[in-house]
Amino acid sequence: MFDNILTVAQAAEYLKVCEKTVRRLIAKQELAASKVGKSWRIQKIDIDKYLSETRNKQI
């Protein structure tokens, strides 16, 4: 159950980007996240949704 909830560091590792990129996506509201105390938590399903929505479309 908890494997589906990631920290910013874990999300960055999952996406193969730096933590700053994940924080920018959250700030621009391109990636859904929840604030828990002073930390962000991201559901894996929201990362997968972000990836599918931003995928290049071939004609």
Protein backbone atom coordinates (compact mmCIF):
# COMPACT_ATOMS: atom_id res chain seq x y z
CA MET A 1 0.00 0.00 0.00
CA PHE A 2 2.70 2.49 0.96
CA ASP A 3 4.78 1.60 -2.10
CA ASN A 4 2.36 3.78 -4.05
CA ILE A 5 3.25 6.94 -2.11
CA LEU A 6 6.61 8.52 -2.90
CA THR A 7 8.70 11.33 -1.48
CA VAL A 8 10.18 13.94 -3.80
CA ALA A 9 13.49 12.06 -3.77
CA GLN A 10 11.81 8.75 -4.62
CA ALA A 11 9.72 10.38 -7.37
CA ALA A 12 12.86 11.94 -8.84
CA GLU A 13 14.56 8.55 -8.86
CA TYR A 14 11.49 6.94 -10.46
CA LEU A 15 11.43 9.62 -13.19
CA LYS A 16 15.23 9.67 -13.55
CA VAL A 17 15.37 13.44 -12.96
CA CYS A 18 16.66 15.63 -10.14
CA GLU A 19 14.57 16.56 -7.12
CA LYS A 20 14.46 20.19 -8.26
CA THR A 21 12.62 19.11 -11.42
CA VAL A 22 9.99 17.28 -9.39
CA ARG A 23 9.53 20.33 -7.15
CA ARG A 24 9.11 22.55 -10.23
CA LEU A 25 6.46 20.22 -11.68
CA ILE A 26 4.60 20.34 -8.36
CA ALA A 27 4.88 24.14 -8.17
CA LYS A 28 3.55 24.50 -11.73
CA GLN A 29 0.74 22.08 -10.79
CA GLU A 30 1.74 19.76 -13.61
CA LEU A 31 2.28 16.93 -11.14
CA ALA A 32 -0.30 16.29 -8.43
CA ALA A 33 1.10 16.09 -4.91
CA SER A 34 0.01 16.45 -1.31
CA LYS A 35 1.78 18.45 1.36
CA VAL A 36 2.32 16.46 4.56
CA GLY A 37 3.88 18.71 7.15
CA LYS A 38 6.78 20.35 5.32
CA SER A 39 7.21 17.49 2.84
CA TRP A 40 5.53 16.59 -0.42
CA ARG A 41 4.09 13.15 -1.14
CA ILE A 42 3.29 11.98 -4.66
CA GLN A 43 1.17 9.00 -5.59
CA LYS A 44 2.76 6.73 -8.20
CA ILE A 45 -0.49 6.74 -10.17
CA ASP A 46 -0.21 10.54 -10.52
CA ILE A 47 3.33 10.20 -11.89
CA ASP A 48 2.15 7.61 -14.40
CA LYS A 49 -0.75 9.90 -15.36
CA TYR A 50 1.67 12.81 -15.86
CA LEU A 51 3.89 10.63 -18.07
CA SER A 52 0.99 9.45 -20.21
CA GLU A 53 -0.39 12.98 -20.63
CA THR A 54 2.96 14.42 -21.68
CA ARG A 55 3.92 11.59 -24.04
CA ASN A 56 4.73 12.67 -27.58
CA LYS A 57 1.92 11.79 -29.89
CA GLN A 58 2.81 10.36 -33.29
CA ILE A 59 0.56 11.07 -36.23
